[in-house]
């Protein structure tokens, strides 16, 4: 329920954001999530002027959820494929 509330609160803001779901078939969600957070923080530092991304994980469905700018999310999607 907390995950759903987080997604809705991000979508309610006036910034154009998209939600992208990336299902993992064989990889461990915790390992991929941790690595993806490190990659995202390097590419898109919190104090930068780039649009803010939010990365969530749903362990029950082994899914990464990226909320934010589509172009930035697409970059992260490519990294997930390599992880």
Protein backbone atom coordinates (compact mmCIF):
# COMPACT_ATOMS: atom_id res chain seq x y z
CA UNK A 1 0.00 0.00 0.00
CA UNK A 2 2.88 2.36 0.78
CA UNK A 3 4.29 1.71 -2.69
CA UNK A 4 0.99 2.67 -4.32
CA UNK A 5 0.77 5.87 -2.23
CA UNK A 6 4.31 6.83 -3.27
CA UNK A 7 3.50 6.34 -6.96
CA UNK A 8 0.28 8.37 -6.70
CA UNK A 9 1.92 11.21 -4.79
CA UNK A 10 4.61 11.48 -7.47
CA UNK A 11 2.05 11.51 -10.27
CA UNK A 12 -0.04 14.18 -8.56
CA UNK A 13 2.69 16.79 -8.92
CA UNK A 14 2.57 19.18 -11.89
CA UNK A 15 5.82 17.86 -13.37
CA UNK A 16 5.50 15.70 -16.49
CA UNK A 17 6.51 12.28 -15.22
CA UNK A 18 5.99 8.76 -16.40
CA UNK A 19 5.94 5.46 -14.58
CA UNK A 20 7.95 2.61 -16.01
CA UNK A 21 7.81 -0.97 -14.73
CA UNK A 22 10.76 -3.26 -15.39
CA UNK A 23 10.10 -6.91 -14.57
CA UNK A 24 13.14 -8.98 -13.74
CA UNK A 25 13.03 -12.61 -14.83
CA UNK A 26 16.24 -14.06 -13.42
CA UNK A 27 18.02 -11.33 -11.47
CA UNK A 28 17.67 -10.72 -7.74
CA UNK A 29 15.62 -7.55 -7.18
CA UNK A 30 17.66 -6.37 -4.19
CA UNK A 31 20.98 -6.58 -6.05
CA UNK A 32 19.68 -4.83 -9.15
CA UNK A 33 17.88 -2.17 -7.10
CA UNK A 34 21.01 -1.31 -5.09
CA UNK A 35 23.18 -1.06 -8.20
CA UNK A 36 20.56 0.97 -10.07
CA UNK A 37 20.34 3.49 -7.20
CA UNK A 38 24.12 3.96 -7.36
CA UNK A 39 24.05 4.43 -11.13
CA UNK A 40 21.14 6.90 -10.92
CA UNK A 41 22.77 8.96 -8.16
CA UNK A 42 25.93 9.22 -10.25
CA UNK A 43 24.15 10.16 -13.47
CA UNK A 44 21.52 12.39 -11.85
CA UNK A 45 22.87 13.92 -8.61
CA UNK A 46 20.22 15.15 -6.21
CA UNK A 47 21.52 18.73 -6.34
CA UNK A 48 21.50 18.83 -10.15
CA UNK A 49 18.92 20.76 -12.13
CA UNK A 50 17.81 17.62 -13.95
CA UNK A 51 14.34 16.29 -13.35
CA UNK A 52 14.05 14.16 -10.25
CA UNK A 53 13.77 10.41 -10.60
CA UNK A 54 12.34 8.01 -8.08
CA UNK A 55 13.31 4.36 -8.16
CA UNK A 56 11.23 1.84 -6.25
CA UNK A 57 11.25 -1.94 -5.99
CA UNK A 58 8.41 -4.40 -5.59
CA UNK A 59 9.88 -7.59 -4.18
CA UNK A 60 6.60 -9.47 -4.50
CA UNK A 61 6.62 -9.12 -8.29
CA UNK A 62 10.42 -8.78 -8.75
CA UNK A 63 9.83 -5.43 -10.46
CA UNK A 64 11.76 -2.15 -10.57
CA UNK A 65 9.56 0.96 -10.85
CA UNK A 66 11.05 4.17 -12.23
CA UNK A 67 9.07 7.39 -11.89
CA UNK A 68 10.34 10.44 -13.69
CA UNK A 69 11.37 11.89 -17.03
CA UNK A 70 10.99 9.36 -19.84
CA UNK A 71 14.42 10.02 -21.36
CA UNK A 72 16.17 9.56 -18.02
CA UNK A 73 14.12 6.44 -17.27
CA UNK A 74 15.04 4.99 -20.68
CA UNK A 75 18.73 5.43 -19.87
CA UNK A 76 18.27 3.54 -16.60
CA UNK A 77 16.26 0.82 -18.34
CA UNK A 78 19.29 0.07 -20.54
CA UNK A 79 21.46 -0.33 -17.45
CA UNK A 80 18.96 -2.72 -15.88
CA UNK A 81 19.16 -4.89 -19.00
CA UNK A 82 22.94 -5.10 -18.52
CA UNK A 83 22.75 -5.87 -14.81
